[in-house]
N, C-alpha and C. Protein backbone atom coordinates (compact mmCIF):
# COMPACT_ATOMS: atom_id res chain seq x y z
N MET A 1 0.76 -1.08 -0.10
CA MET A 1 0.03 0.22 -0.18
C MET A 1 0.95 1.21 -0.22
N ASN A 2 0.39 2.37 -0.73
CA ASN A 2 1.13 3.74 -0.81
C ASN A 2 0.16 4.55 -0.22
N ARG A 3 1.38 5.47 0.42
CA ARG A 3 0.52 7.17 0.56
C ARG A 3 1.09 8.03 -0.09
N ALA A 4 -0.22 8.51 -0.84
CA ALA A 4 -0.18 9.88 -1.29
C ALA A 4 -0.46 10.73 -0.50
N VAL A 5 0.16 12.21 -0.51
CA VAL A 5 -0.61 13.34 0.05
C VAL A 5 -0.96 14.30 -1.51
N LEU A 6 -2.06 14.59 -1.40
CA LEU A 6 -2.51 15.41 -2.45
C LEU A 6 -2.91 16.82 -1.97
N LEU A 7 -3.23 17.58 -2.90
CA LEU A 7 -3.08 19.14 -2.48
C LEU A 7 -4.34 19.28 -3.58
N MET A 8 -5.62 19.59 -3.03
CA MET A 8 -6.79 20.02 -4.04
C MET A 8 -6.63 21.61 -3.62
N GLY A 9 -6.85 22.14 -4.83
CA GLY A 9 -6.96 23.37 -5.12
C GLY A 9 -8.34 23.90 -6.07
N GLY A 10 -8.99 25.57 -5.81
CA GLY A 10 -9.94 25.58 -6.81
C GLY A 10 -10.44 27.29 -6.46
N ASN A 11 -11.05 27.74 -7.26
CA ASN A 11 -11.55 29.01 -7.28
C ASN A 11 -12.83 29.23 -8.34
N LEU A 12 -13.06 28.45 -8.72
CA LEU A 12 -14.51 28.48 -9.52
C LEU A 12 -15.75 27.47 -9.59
N GLY A 13 -16.74 28.13 -9.32
CA GLY A 13 -17.71 27.43 -9.01
C GLY A 13 -17.78 26.94 -7.69
N ASN A 14 -18.92 26.55 -7.29
CA ASN A 14 -19.04 26.32 -5.73
C ASN A 14 -17.72 24.82 -5.33
N VAL A 15 -16.92 26.03 -5.30
CA VAL A 15 -15.51 25.08 -4.86
C VAL A 15 -16.02 23.40 -3.34
N PRO A 16 -16.43 24.38 -2.16
CA PRO A 16 -16.99 23.51 -0.86
C PRO A 16 -17.20 22.47 -1.64
N VAL A 17 -18.42 22.11 -2.30
CA VAL A 17 -19.36 21.34 -2.98
C VAL A 17 -18.54 20.32 -3.62
N THR A 18 -17.28 21.14 -4.74
CA THR A 18 -16.53 20.32 -5.84
C THR A 18 -15.69 19.74 -4.95
N PHE A 19 -14.58 20.02 -4.18
CA PHE A 19 -14.41 19.25 -2.86
C PHE A 19 -14.70 18.37 -2.22
N SER A 20 -16.26 18.38 -2.07
CA SER A 20 -16.60 17.47 -1.19
C SER A 20 -16.88 15.95 -2.45
N ARG A 21 -17.32 16.37 -3.32
CA ARG A 21 -17.64 15.31 -4.51
C ARG A 21 -16.27 14.97 -4.92
N ALA A 22 -14.99 15.97 -5.14
CA ALA A 22 -14.25 14.95 -5.36
C ALA A 22 -13.48 13.83 -4.75
N ARG A 23 -13.28 14.63 -3.27
CA ARG A 23 -13.53 13.58 -1.96
C ARG A 23 -14.04 12.29 -2.06
N GLY A 24 -15.67 12.11 -2.33
CA GLY A 24 -16.05 11.24 -3.06
C GLY A 24 -15.29 10.15 -4.11
N LEU A 25 -14.95 10.94 -4.99
CA LEU A 25 -14.35 10.30 -5.97
C LEU A 25 -13.06 9.52 -6.12
N ILE A 26 -12.29 10.63 -5.18
CA ILE A 26 -11.21 9.94 -5.01
C ILE A 26 -11.14 8.66 -3.60
N ALA A 27 -11.80 8.62 -3.17
CA ALA A 27 -12.11 7.37 -2.25
C ALA A 27 -12.95 6.43 -2.84
N THR A 28 -13.37 6.22 -3.88
CA THR A 28 -13.90 5.11 -4.01
C THR A 28 -12.72 4.90 -5.47
N GLN A 29 -12.04 5.49 -6.34
CA GLN A 29 -11.40 5.56 -7.59
C GLN A 29 -9.67 5.67 -7.25
N VAL A 30 -9.48 5.96 -5.80
CA VAL A 30 -8.02 6.07 -6.06
C VAL A 30 -7.33 5.21 -4.24
N GLY A 31 -7.97 5.33 -3.42
CA GLY A 31 -7.70 4.82 -2.55
C GLY A 31 -8.86 5.21 -0.90
N GLU A 32 -8.17 4.82 0.41
CA GLU A 32 -9.01 5.31 1.38
C GLU A 32 -8.19 6.66 1.88
N ILE A 33 -8.98 7.90 2.41
CA ILE A 33 -8.53 8.91 2.69
C ILE A 33 -8.42 9.02 4.17
N ILE A 34 -7.50 8.93 4.73
CA ILE A 34 -7.19 8.83 6.45
C ILE A 34 -6.79 10.33 6.91
N SER A 35 -6.46 11.28 6.23
CA SER A 35 -6.57 12.23 6.83
C SER A 35 -6.59 13.58 6.18
N THR A 36 -7.51 14.58 6.18
CA THR A 36 -7.75 16.03 5.39
C THR A 36 -7.51 16.87 6.51
N SER A 37 -7.24 18.02 5.90
CA SER A 37 -6.62 18.89 6.42
C SER A 37 -8.14 19.93 6.51
N SER A 38 -7.85 20.91 7.40
CA SER A 38 -8.92 22.18 7.64
C SER A 38 -8.80 22.58 5.63
N LEU A 39 -9.86 23.72 5.47
CA LEU A 39 -10.35 24.09 4.60
C LEU A 39 -9.44 25.35 4.46
N TYR A 40 -8.99 26.02 3.59
CA TYR A 40 -8.42 27.28 3.43
C TYR A 40 -8.61 27.96 2.63
N LEU A 41 -8.14 29.28 2.36
CA LEU A 41 -9.00 30.54 1.60
C LEU A 41 -7.75 31.03 1.38
N SER A 42 -7.53 31.79 0.07
CA SER A 42 -6.42 32.42 0.18
C SER A 42 -6.15 33.10 -1.40
N ASP A 43 -5.56 33.87 -1.69
CA ASP A 43 -5.40 34.73 -2.84
C ASP A 43 -4.71 34.01 -3.75
N ALA A 44 -4.47 33.99 -5.51
CA ALA A 44 -4.13 33.23 -6.42
C ALA A 44 -2.72 33.53 -5.78
N TRP A 45 -1.69 32.69 -6.22
CA TRP A 45 -0.36 32.70 -6.26
C TRP A 45 0.06 32.56 -7.51
N GLY A 46 0.97 33.82 -7.79
CA GLY A 46 1.33 33.76 -9.27
C GLY A 46 0.83 34.28 -10.46
N PHE A 47 -0.48 34.58 -10.21
CA PHE A 47 -1.30 35.08 -11.35
C PHE A 47 -2.63 36.09 -10.41
N GLU A 48 -2.81 37.14 -11.29
CA GLU A 48 -4.32 37.79 -11.00
C GLU A 48 -5.59 37.19 -10.88
N ALA A 49 -6.63 36.93 -9.85
CA ALA A 49 -7.73 36.35 -10.05
C ALA A 49 -8.72 37.08 -9.03
N LYS A 50 -10.30 37.40 -9.77
CA LYS A 50 -10.98 37.91 -8.98
C LYS A 50 -11.53 36.86 -7.33
N GLU A 51 -11.31 35.65 -7.75
CA GLU A 51 -11.96 34.94 -6.83
C GLU A 51 -10.90 34.53 -6.42
N GLN A 52 -10.61 33.87 -4.90
CA GLN A 52 -9.58 33.41 -4.20
C GLN A 52 -9.85 32.20 -4.20
N PHE A 53 -8.62 31.24 -3.65
CA PHE A 53 -8.88 29.60 -4.17
C PHE A 53 -8.73 29.19 -2.57
N TYR A 54 -9.84 28.09 -2.69
CA TYR A 54 -9.68 27.28 -1.46
C TYR A 54 -8.58 26.22 -1.76
N ASN A 55 -7.74 25.57 -0.63
CA ASN A 55 -7.24 24.67 -0.90
C ASN A 55 -7.46 23.67 0.32
N GLN A 56 -6.77 21.99 0.13
CA GLN A 56 -6.62 21.54 1.29
C GLN A 56 -6.14 20.70 0.93
N VAL A 57 -5.58 19.70 2.00
CA VAL A 57 -4.16 18.40 1.90
C VAL A 57 -5.23 17.56 2.41
N LEU A 58 -5.02 16.15 1.61
CA LEU A 58 -5.63 14.99 1.79
C LEU A 58 -4.20 13.84 2.13
N ILE A 59 -4.60 12.99 2.55
CA ILE A 59 -3.09 11.88 2.90
C ILE A 59 -4.65 10.47 2.15
N VAL A 60 -3.97 9.81 1.61
CA VAL A 60 -4.73 8.80 0.98
C VAL A 60 -3.35 7.29 1.02
N ASN A 61 -4.63 6.56 1.47
CA ASN A 61 -3.51 4.96 1.18
C ASN A 61 -4.19 4.54 -0.31
N THR A 62 -3.11 4.33 -0.94
CA THR A 62 -3.54 3.67 -2.38
C THR A 62 -2.61 2.63 -2.26
N GLY A 63 -3.59 1.52 -3.72
CA GLY A 63 -2.66 0.71 -4.23
C GLY A 63 -2.38 1.00 -5.28
N LEU A 64 -2.36 2.25 -6.22
CA LEU A 64 -1.92 2.71 -7.46
C LEU A 64 -0.57 2.89 -7.30
N SER A 65 -0.13 2.84 -8.38
CA SER A 65 1.51 3.48 -8.22
C SER A 65 1.30 5.12 -8.96
N ALA A 66 2.52 5.50 -8.49
CA ALA A 66 2.02 7.18 -8.68
C ALA A 66 1.95 7.98 -10.05
N GLN A 67 2.48 6.88 -11.09
CA GLN A 67 1.51 7.33 -12.11
C GLN A 67 0.27 7.22 -12.41
N HIS A 68 0.21 6.10 -11.89
CA HIS A 68 -1.70 5.68 -12.51
C HIS A 68 -2.29 6.72 -11.56
N LEU A 69 -1.53 7.03 -10.52
CA LEU A 69 -2.43 8.05 -9.50
C LEU A 69 -2.42 9.34 -10.20
N LEU A 70 -1.29 10.04 -10.82
CA LEU A 70 -1.51 10.84 -11.68
C LEU A 70 -2.69 10.97 -13.00
N ASN A 71 -2.41 9.61 -13.68
CA ASN A 71 -3.95 9.38 -14.81
C ASN A 71 -4.81 9.87 -14.02
N LYS A 72 -5.09 8.73 -13.01
CA LYS A 72 -6.58 9.15 -12.17
C LYS A 72 -6.90 10.27 -11.71
N ILE A 73 -6.23 11.10 -10.93
CA ILE A 73 -6.64 12.31 -10.67
C ILE A 73 -6.49 13.49 -11.83
N LEU A 74 -6.35 13.20 -12.72
CA LEU A 74 -6.36 14.02 -13.84
C LEU A 74 -7.73 13.80 -14.69
N GLU A 75 -7.78 12.50 -14.72
CA GLU A 75 -9.47 12.19 -14.99
C GLU A 75 -10.43 12.92 -13.94
N ILE A 76 -10.05 12.69 -12.63
CA ILE A 76 -10.78 13.52 -11.82
C ILE A 76 -11.11 14.64 -12.00
N GLU A 77 -9.91 15.68 -12.51
CA GLU A 77 -9.96 17.15 -12.71
C GLU A 77 -11.02 17.47 -13.82
N ASP A 78 -10.72 16.47 -15.07
CA ASP A 78 -11.69 16.90 -16.37
C ASP A 78 -12.92 16.19 -15.79
N PHE A 79 -13.49 15.41 -14.96
CA PHE A 79 -14.88 15.22 -14.69
C PHE A 79 -15.55 16.55 -13.97
N PHE A 80 -15.08 17.48 -13.40
CA PHE A 80 -15.00 18.60 -12.79
C PHE A 80 -14.94 19.98 -13.54
N GLY A 81 -14.70 19.47 -14.97
CA GLY A 81 -14.53 20.71 -15.70
C GLY A 81 -12.92 21.10 -16.03
N ARG A 82 -12.23 20.41 -15.42
CA ARG A 82 -10.56 21.31 -15.39
C ARG A 82 -10.46 21.69 -17.19
N THR A 83 -9.96 22.77 -16.92
CA THR A 83 -9.26 22.68 -18.53
C THR A 83 -8.10 23.03 -18.60
N ARG A 84 -6.88 22.40 -19.39
CA ARG A 84 -5.44 23.55 -19.18
C ARG A 84 -5.14 23.92 -20.60
N ASN A 85 -4.28 25.25 -20.49
CA ASN A 85 -3.68 25.47 -21.55
C ASN A 85 -2.53 25.87 -21.41
N GLN A 86 -1.60 24.77 -21.82
CA GLN A 86 -0.15 24.99 -20.91
C GLN A 86 0.52 26.56 -21.67
N ASN A 87 0.49 27.01 -22.68
CA ASN A 87 0.25 28.40 -23.13
C ASN A 87 0.31 29.44 -22.02
N GLU A 88 -0.66 29.55 -21.53
CA GLU A 88 -1.03 30.77 -20.61
C GLU A 88 -1.14 30.38 -19.17
N GLY A 89 -0.23 29.41 -18.76
CA GLY A 89 0.56 29.72 -17.19
C GLY A 89 -0.63 29.22 -15.87
N TYR A 90 -0.37 29.96 -15.05
CA TYR A 90 -1.31 29.73 -13.92
C TYR A 90 -3.09 30.72 -14.46
N GLN A 91 -4.18 29.48 -13.94
CA GLN A 91 -5.51 30.11 -14.33
C GLN A 91 -6.36 29.72 -13.37
N SER A 92 -7.39 30.62 -13.17
CA SER A 92 -8.50 29.84 -12.73
C SER A 92 -8.81 28.55 -12.70
N ARG A 93 -9.52 27.90 -12.07
CA ARG A 93 -9.76 26.70 -12.42
C ARG A 93 -10.86 26.09 -11.12
N THR A 94 -11.74 25.24 -11.62
CA THR A 94 -12.65 24.61 -10.70
C THR A 94 -11.73 23.79 -9.68
N LEU A 95 -11.14 23.12 -10.22
CA LEU A 95 -10.08 21.76 -9.55
C LEU A 95 -8.84 21.33 -9.81
N ASP A 96 -7.80 21.36 -9.07
CA ASP A 96 -7.23 21.07 -9.33
C ASP A 96 -6.43 20.44 -8.33
N LEU A 97 -5.74 19.05 -8.44
CA LEU A 97 -5.30 17.98 -7.59
C LEU A 97 -3.71 17.67 -8.13
N ASP A 98 -3.05 17.89 -6.96
CA ASP A 98 -1.74 17.96 -6.99
C ASP A 98 -0.75 16.94 -6.21
N ILE A 99 -0.26 16.30 -6.55
CA ILE A 99 0.45 14.78 -5.63
C ILE A 99 1.49 15.76 -5.40
N LEU A 100 1.42 15.55 -3.79
CA LEU A 100 2.94 16.70 -3.41
C LEU A 100 3.62 15.51 -2.63
N PHE A 101 3.06 14.01 -1.90
CA PHE A 101 4.25 13.36 -1.64
C PHE A 101 3.74 11.81 -2.12
N PHE A 102 4.63 10.97 -2.01
CA PHE A 102 4.29 9.20 -2.97
C PHE A 102 5.18 8.98 -1.99
N ASN A 103 4.62 8.23 -0.61
CA ASN A 103 5.62 7.73 0.51
C ASN A 103 6.78 8.72 0.43
N HIS A 104 7.83 8.21 0.80
CA HIS A 104 9.00 8.61 0.51
C HIS A 104 9.85 9.24 -0.71
N GLU A 105 9.21 8.53 -2.04
CA GLU A 105 10.09 8.56 -3.39
C GLU A 105 10.37 10.16 -3.73
N VAL A 106 11.73 10.18 -4.22
CA VAL A 106 11.43 10.84 -5.25
C VAL A 106 11.18 10.33 -6.55
N ILE A 107 10.48 11.14 -7.51
CA ILE A 107 10.24 10.59 -9.02
C ILE A 107 10.51 11.86 -9.95
N VAL A 108 11.50 11.79 -10.83
CA VAL A 108 11.56 12.51 -11.79
C VAL A 108 11.24 12.03 -13.40
N SER A 109 10.17 12.30 -13.90
CA SER A 109 10.04 11.98 -15.46
C SER A 109 9.41 12.98 -16.18
N GLU A 110 8.92 12.82 -16.98
CA GLU A 110 8.29 13.89 -18.44
C GLU A 110 6.90 14.27 -17.63
N SER A 111 6.56 13.09 -17.06
CA SER A 111 4.88 13.87 -16.46
C SER A 111 4.85 13.88 -15.08
N LEU A 112 5.56 13.78 -14.62
CA LEU A 112 5.61 13.37 -13.07
C LEU A 112 6.90 14.32 -12.26
N GLN A 113 6.67 14.83 -11.28
CA GLN A 113 7.65 15.01 -10.15
C GLN A 113 7.24 14.89 -8.50
N ILE A 114 7.86 14.46 -7.94
CA ILE A 114 7.36 14.04 -6.57
C ILE A 114 8.78 13.96 -5.52
N PRO A 115 9.21 14.62 -4.87
CA PRO A 115 8.01 15.81 -4.23
C PRO A 115 7.25 16.68 -5.18
N HIS A 116 6.19 17.14 -5.17
CA HIS A 116 6.05 18.63 -6.12
C HIS A 116 7.11 19.47 -5.91
N PRO A 117 7.17 19.90 -6.85
CA PRO A 117 8.47 20.88 -7.39
C PRO A 117 8.37 22.13 -6.76
N ARG A 118 7.47 22.68 -6.46
CA ARG A 118 6.90 24.23 -5.80
C ARG A 118 6.10 24.29 -4.66
N LEU A 119 5.86 23.39 -3.75
CA LEU A 119 5.57 22.93 -2.76
C LEU A 119 6.15 24.00 -1.70
N HIS A 120 7.60 24.04 -1.65
CA HIS A 120 8.32 24.89 -0.57
C HIS A 120 8.03 26.39 -0.98
N PHE A 121 7.43 26.66 -1.79
CA PHE A 121 7.23 28.35 -2.15
C PHE A 121 5.99 28.75 -1.74
N ARG A 122 5.00 28.47 -1.55
CA ARG A 122 3.94 28.16 -1.66
C ARG A 122 3.03 27.86 -0.03
N ASN A 123 2.89 28.89 0.22
CA ASN A 123 2.03 28.88 1.73
C ASN A 123 0.24 28.35 1.81
N PHE A 124 -0.43 28.35 0.31
CA PHE A 124 -1.19 28.29 0.17
C PHE A 124 -1.14 26.09 0.49
N THR A 125 0.01 25.85 0.44
CA THR A 125 0.08 24.15 0.20
C THR A 125 1.09 23.96 1.37
N LEU A 126 1.98 24.62 2.04
CA LEU A 126 2.50 24.57 3.44
C LEU A 126 1.84 24.55 4.87
N VAL A 127 0.40 25.53 4.63
CA VAL A 127 -0.27 25.83 5.89
C VAL A 127 -0.91 24.73 6.11
N PRO A 128 -2.10 23.60 4.88
CA PRO A 128 -2.47 22.93 5.58
C PRO A 128 -1.80 21.40 5.45
N LEU A 129 -0.33 21.59 4.72
CA LEU A 129 0.13 20.30 4.89
C LEU A 129 0.76 20.12 6.32
N ALA A 130 1.44 21.30 7.03
CA ALA A 130 1.90 21.71 8.20
C ALA A 130 1.11 20.85 9.44
N GLU A 131 -0.70 21.17 8.78
CA GLU A 131 -1.56 21.16 10.48
C GLU A 131 -1.67 19.65 10.29
N LEU A 132 -1.36 18.59 9.20
CA LEU A 132 -1.33 17.24 9.05
C LEU A 132 -0.27 16.75 9.42
N MET A 133 1.04 16.96 8.91
CA MET A 133 2.01 16.46 8.87
C MET A 133 3.33 17.34 9.28
N PRO A 134 3.49 18.01 10.27
CA PRO A 134 4.38 18.70 10.70
C PRO A 134 5.90 18.39 10.33
N GLU A 135 5.75 17.14 10.68
CA GLU A 135 7.26 16.61 11.31
C GLU A 135 7.91 15.71 10.09
N TYR A 136 7.41 15.78 9.41
CA TYR A 136 7.31 15.15 7.83
C TYR A 136 8.80 15.90 7.54
N ILE A 137 9.44 14.76 6.79
CA ILE A 137 10.81 15.17 6.20
C ILE A 137 10.86 15.55 4.61
N HIS A 138 10.59 16.38 4.21
CA HIS A 138 10.90 16.63 2.73
C HIS A 138 12.15 15.87 2.49
N PRO A 139 12.09 15.02 1.30
CA PRO A 139 12.88 13.55 0.91
C PRO A 139 14.04 14.47 0.03
N VAL A 140 13.63 15.49 -0.68
CA VAL A 140 15.20 16.34 -1.10
C VAL A 140 15.38 17.22 -0.08
N LEU A 141 14.75 18.06 0.36
CA LEU A 141 15.23 19.35 0.78
C LEU A 141 15.80 18.96 2.32
N GLN A 142 15.10 17.99 2.58
CA GLN A 142 15.89 17.28 4.45
C GLN A 142 15.77 18.16 5.36
N VAL A 143 14.14 19.12 5.19
CA VAL A 143 14.08 19.42 6.73
C VAL A 143 12.42 19.24 6.66
N SER A 144 11.93 19.12 7.53
CA SER A 144 10.35 19.25 7.89
C SER A 144 9.49 19.86 7.37
N VAL A 145 8.25 19.78 7.29
CA VAL A 145 7.27 20.86 6.41
C VAL A 145 7.16 21.90 7.77
N ARG A 146 7.29 21.72 8.72
CA ARG A 146 6.99 23.13 9.86
C ARG A 146 7.88 24.00 9.32
N GLN A 147 9.66 23.36 9.28
CA GLN A 147 10.83 24.15 9.12
C GLN A 147 10.66 25.49 7.54
N LEU A 148 10.10 24.20 6.69
CA LEU A 148 9.74 24.79 5.57
C LEU A 148 8.51 25.91 5.41
N LEU A 149 7.65 26.06 6.15
CA LEU A 149 7.01 27.09 6.48
C LEU A 149 7.11 27.89 6.96
N TYR A 150 8.40 28.00 8.39
CA TYR A 150 8.90 28.79 9.02
C TYR A 150 9.77 29.73 8.13
N GLN A 151 10.20 29.02 7.11
CA GLN A 151 11.31 29.44 6.29
C GLN A 151 10.72 30.29 4.80
N SER A 152 9.33 30.17 4.44
CA SER A 152 8.79 30.33 3.68
C SER A 152 8.83 32.03 3.41
N LYS A 153 9.16 32.37 2.13
CA LYS A 153 9.46 33.51 1.55
C LYS A 153 7.88 34.55 1.56
N ASP A 154 7.13 33.46 1.16
CA ASP A 154 5.64 33.93 0.54
C ASP A 154 5.16 34.35 1.55
N LYS A 155 4.28 35.64 0.87
CA LYS A 155 3.52 36.35 1.91
C LYS A 155 1.93 36.25 1.76
N LEU A 156 1.67 35.71 0.65
CA LEU A 156 0.09 35.42 0.86
C LEU A 156 -0.56 35.19 2.06
N ARG A 157 -1.71 35.70 2.51
CA ARG A 157 -1.97 35.22 3.72
C ARG A 157 -3.18 33.94 3.10
N VAL A 158 -2.85 33.05 4.11
CA VAL A 158 -4.10 31.56 3.90
C VAL A 158 -4.81 31.70 5.25
N GLN A 159 -6.41 31.61 4.74
CA GLN A 159 -6.84 31.64 6.46
C GLN A 159 -7.35 30.70 6.50
N LYS A 160 -7.50 29.95 7.35
CA LYS A 160 -8.07 28.82 7.85
C LYS A 160 -9.85 28.83 7.98
N LEU A 161 -10.97 28.23 7.59
CA LEU A 161 -11.98 28.53 7.46
C LEU A 161 -12.77 27.44 8.54
């Protein structure tokens, strides 16, 4: 059994309802959700958006490989109307699912990079992650999630709902 740490994000539509439905699909198609962070609200990171983003971290036990997990969460994003335009950079979205960690593995391929390569730059990721697993050691940076949050230079406020 593998342990995956996922981040849900979104700012279009009724995001709390989308998150609830997405958790249901994750539980039936990916694996058992063993822990969820609180729901958080923050401004967009890396671009301007009218709507604030909701974020939540999930810890999931899954029998899927990392690549199969990626394929499955992309299908779930598509189900909720996520559209990607690689030429436009960051955009508002109905649902974004990212793999932050997968066991303690370091994976680098054309389609997948684990740990998520920007997680340590983003408080909207670090705050809910620190709620669930503050002492987890990042397998590349070799410091705890709590330390990454403490060292973060991100100034965007992350509000717990």
